[in-house]
Protein backbone atom coordinates (compact mmCIF):
# COMPACT_ATOMS: atom_id res chain seq x y z
CA MET A 1 12.49 50.85 70.93
CA LYS A 2 11.35 53.25 68.27
CA ARG A 3 14.31 52.29 66.04
CA ILE A 4 13.54 48.60 66.33
CA TRP A 5 9.92 49.28 65.42
CA ILE A 6 10.98 51.24 62.30
CA LEU A 7 13.47 48.54 61.36
CA MET A 8 10.86 45.81 61.73
CA LEU A 9 8.33 47.82 59.72
CA GLY A 10 10.93 48.30 56.99
CA LEU A 11 11.73 44.58 56.88
CA CYS A 12 8.01 43.73 56.68
CA MET A 13 7.52 46.12 53.79
CA LEU A 14 10.56 44.73 52.00
CA THR A 15 9.31 41.16 52.48
CA LEU A 16 5.83 42.12 51.22
CA SER A 17 7.17 43.92 48.16
CA THR A 18 9.49 41.00 47.36
CA ALA A 19 6.65 38.49 47.72
CA GLN A 20 4.40 40.69 45.58
CA ALA A 21 7.10 41.05 42.88
CA GLN A 22 7.47 37.27 42.73
CA GLN A 23 3.82 36.98 41.68
CA TYR A 24 4.53 38.56 38.32
CA LYS A 25 5.57 36.47 35.37
CA ILE A 26 7.57 38.34 32.74
CA GLY A 27 8.82 37.27 29.33
CA TYR A 28 10.35 38.96 26.36
CA PHE A 29 9.89 38.62 22.65
CA ASP A 30 12.54 39.18 19.97
CA THR A 31 10.97 40.56 16.79
CA GLN A 32 14.33 40.54 14.97
CA TYR A 33 14.48 36.81 15.54
CA VAL A 34 10.84 35.90 14.82
CA LEU A 35 9.85 38.03 11.82
CA PRO A 36 12.55 36.81 9.42
CA LYS A 37 11.45 33.23 10.10
CA MET A 38 7.94 33.98 8.82
CA THR A 39 7.22 33.20 5.15
CA GLU A 40 4.75 36.09 4.95
CA TYR A 41 7.41 38.49 6.19
CA LYS A 42 9.96 37.27 3.65
CA ARG A 43 7.38 37.72 0.88
CA ALA A 44 6.52 41.19 2.10
CA GLN A 45 10.20 42.16 2.18
CA THR A 46 10.70 40.92 -1.37
CA GLU A 47 7.58 42.73 -2.57
CA MET A 48 8.74 45.93 -0.87
CA GLN A 49 12.16 45.74 -2.49
CA THR A 50 10.56 45.23 -5.91
CA TYR A 51 8.09 48.06 -5.40
CA THR A 52 10.79 50.46 -4.12
CA LYS A 53 13.10 49.61 -7.05
CA LYS A 54 10.26 50.22 -9.52
CA LEU A 55 9.64 53.70 -8.07
CA GLU A 56 13.37 54.47 -7.94
CA ASP A 57 13.78 53.43 -11.58
CA GLU A 58 10.78 55.54 -12.59
CA PHE A 59 12.24 58.55 -10.75
CA LYS A 60 15.64 58.07 -12.42
CA ARG A 61 14.00 57.84 -15.85
CA LYS A 62 12.05 61.06 -15.25
CA GLN A 63 15.13 62.76 -13.89
CA GLN A 64 17.22 61.78 -16.96
CA MET A 65 14.50 63.02 -19.32
CA PHE A 66 14.41 66.32 -17.44
CA GLN A 67 18.22 66.64 -17.59
CA LYS A 68 18.16 66.05 -21.36
CA GLN A 69 15.55 68.76 -21.80
CA VAL A 70 17.61 71.17 -19.69
CA GLN A 71 20.70 70.43 -21.80
CA ALA A 72 18.76 70.90 -25.03
CA PHE A 73 17.39 74.20 -23.74
CA ARG A 74 20.88 75.46 -22.81
CA GLN A 75 22.20 74.56 -26.23
CA GLN A 76 19.34 76.31 -28.04
CA GLU A 77 18.76 79.16 -25.59
CA ALA A 78 20.91 81.69 -27.49
CA LYS A 79 18.93 81.05 -30.72
CA MET A 80 15.51 81.43 -29.07
CA SER A 81 13.39 84.52 -28.82
CA ALA A 82 12.84 86.06 -25.39
CA ALA A 83 9.23 84.82 -25.34
CA ALA A 84 10.24 81.28 -26.32
CA ARG A 85 13.06 81.30 -23.75
CA LYS A 86 10.64 82.43 -21.06
CA ALA A 87 8.03 79.82 -22.01
CA LYS A 88 10.60 77.00 -22.09
CA GLY A 89 12.06 78.17 -18.75
CA GLU A 90 8.61 78.10 -17.16
CA GLN A 91 7.94 74.66 -18.62
CA LEU A 92 11.24 73.33 -17.21
CA SER A 93 10.51 74.90 -13.83
CA LYS A 94 7.11 73.20 -13.79
CA GLN A 95 8.68 69.85 -14.72
CA GLN A 96 11.25 70.24 -11.94
CA MET A 97 8.44 70.80 -9.41
CA GLU A 98 6.63 67.72 -10.74
CA LEU A 99 9.83 65.72 -10.34
CA GLN A 100 10.17 66.88 -6.73
CA ARG A 101 6.48 66.11 -6.07
CA PHE A 102 6.96 62.62 -7.54
CA GLN A 103 9.91 62.01 -5.20
CA GLN A 104 7.85 63.11 -2.16
CA THR A 105 4.77 61.09 -3.07
CA ALA A 106 6.93 58.03 -3.85
CA GLN A 107 8.07 57.95 -0.23
CA THR A 108 4.47 58.23 0.95
CA ARG A 109 3.46 55.41 -1.39
CA ILE A 110 6.31 53.24 -0.12
CA ASP A 111 5.29 53.83 3.51
CA LYS A 112 1.66 53.04 2.73
CA LYS A 113 2.61 49.85 0.88
CA ARG A 114 4.86 48.79 3.75
CA GLY A 115 1.97 49.31 6.18
CA ASN A 116 -0.45 47.35 4.00
CA LEU A 117 1.97 44.44 3.77
CA LEU A 118 3.28 44.38 7.34
CA ASN A 119 0.21 45.24 9.41
CA PRO A 120 -1.50 41.84 8.86
CA ILE A 121 1.76 40.11 9.80
CA TYR A 122 2.10 42.20 12.98
CA LYS A 123 -1.53 41.43 13.90
CA LYS A 124 -0.88 37.71 13.43
CA VAL A 125 2.18 37.89 15.69
CA GLU A 126 0.26 39.93 18.29
CA ALA A 127 -2.51 37.33 18.29
CA ALA A 128 0.04 34.56 18.88
CA LEU A 129 1.63 36.63 21.64
CA ALA A 130 -1.76 37.08 23.29
CA VAL A 131 -2.34 33.32 23.26
CA VAL A 132 1.13 32.64 24.68
CA ALA A 133 0.60 35.28 27.35
CA LYS A 134 -2.72 33.78 28.38
CA GLU A 135 -1.59 30.17 28.30
CA GLY A 136 1.68 30.92 30.09
CA LYS A 137 -0.03 33.26 32.57
CA TYR A 138 2.39 36.10 31.78
CA ASN A 139 1.74 39.46 33.43
CA PHE A 140 4.11 41.26 31.10
CA ILE A 141 5.71 40.51 27.76
CA ILE A 142 8.16 43.08 26.45
CA ARG A 143 10.04 43.46 23.21
CA LYS A 144 13.71 42.55 23.53
CA GLU A 145 14.62 45.72 21.64
CA THR A 146 13.23 47.82 24.49
CA ALA A 147 14.92 45.93 27.32
CA LEU A 148 18.15 47.13 28.85
CA PHE A 149 19.00 43.59 29.84
CA SER A 150 17.49 40.23 28.98
CA ASN A 151 18.13 36.76 30.24
CA LYS A 152 17.67 34.01 27.66
CA LYS A 153 15.56 31.94 30.08
CA TYR A 154 12.76 34.54 29.78
CA ASP A 155 12.77 34.55 25.95
CA ILE A 156 9.40 33.32 24.66
CA SER A 157 10.20 33.85 20.97
CA ASP A 158 10.37 30.12 20.16
CA VAL A 159 7.02 29.58 21.92
CA VAL A 160 5.48 32.31 19.75
CA LEU A 161 6.99 30.75 16.63
CA LYS A 162 5.49 27.42 17.62
CA LYS A 163 2.07 29.08 18.02
CA LEU A 164 2.53 30.50 14.52
CA GLY A 165 3.19 27.00 13.19
CA ILE A 166 6.88 27.70 12.48
CA LYS A 167 9.47 25.13 13.44
CA THR A 168 12.54 26.36 15.29
CA ASN A 169 16.06 25.08 14.96
């Protein structure tokens, strides 16, 4: 009798948890699919490539100038006085530190620029997601990139694109 009672209690709990789980509506969103379809995102990517190339070119130019100065110093080093050699060595050491500092700050500048360009785009997408979630009565929307498995029927990416005013194929 006790076993039957436990079995029935277990079946009731399983039925309740299954019924409760069916109340949730879940969708997923594919950022790798949506973002490249946005004009603003394409513009931001192009601007980032241009900005990064500009900083890379500036770094290469500074690096080449530094290398030329090092070569000139090595060629003239034997003819220089000890004081002049020491002064030029200190100057080159200072320039090398400035070059390293430029390289470090360039990455910081790139990251800041990327944030300035992409944050408004992400906010726009999040706003569209919020509208889709509310209208579709979704309890959860997850990013496809974080899911271990996804079924295409739960993909709301095209709905989000439509909310953003972007036509899908």
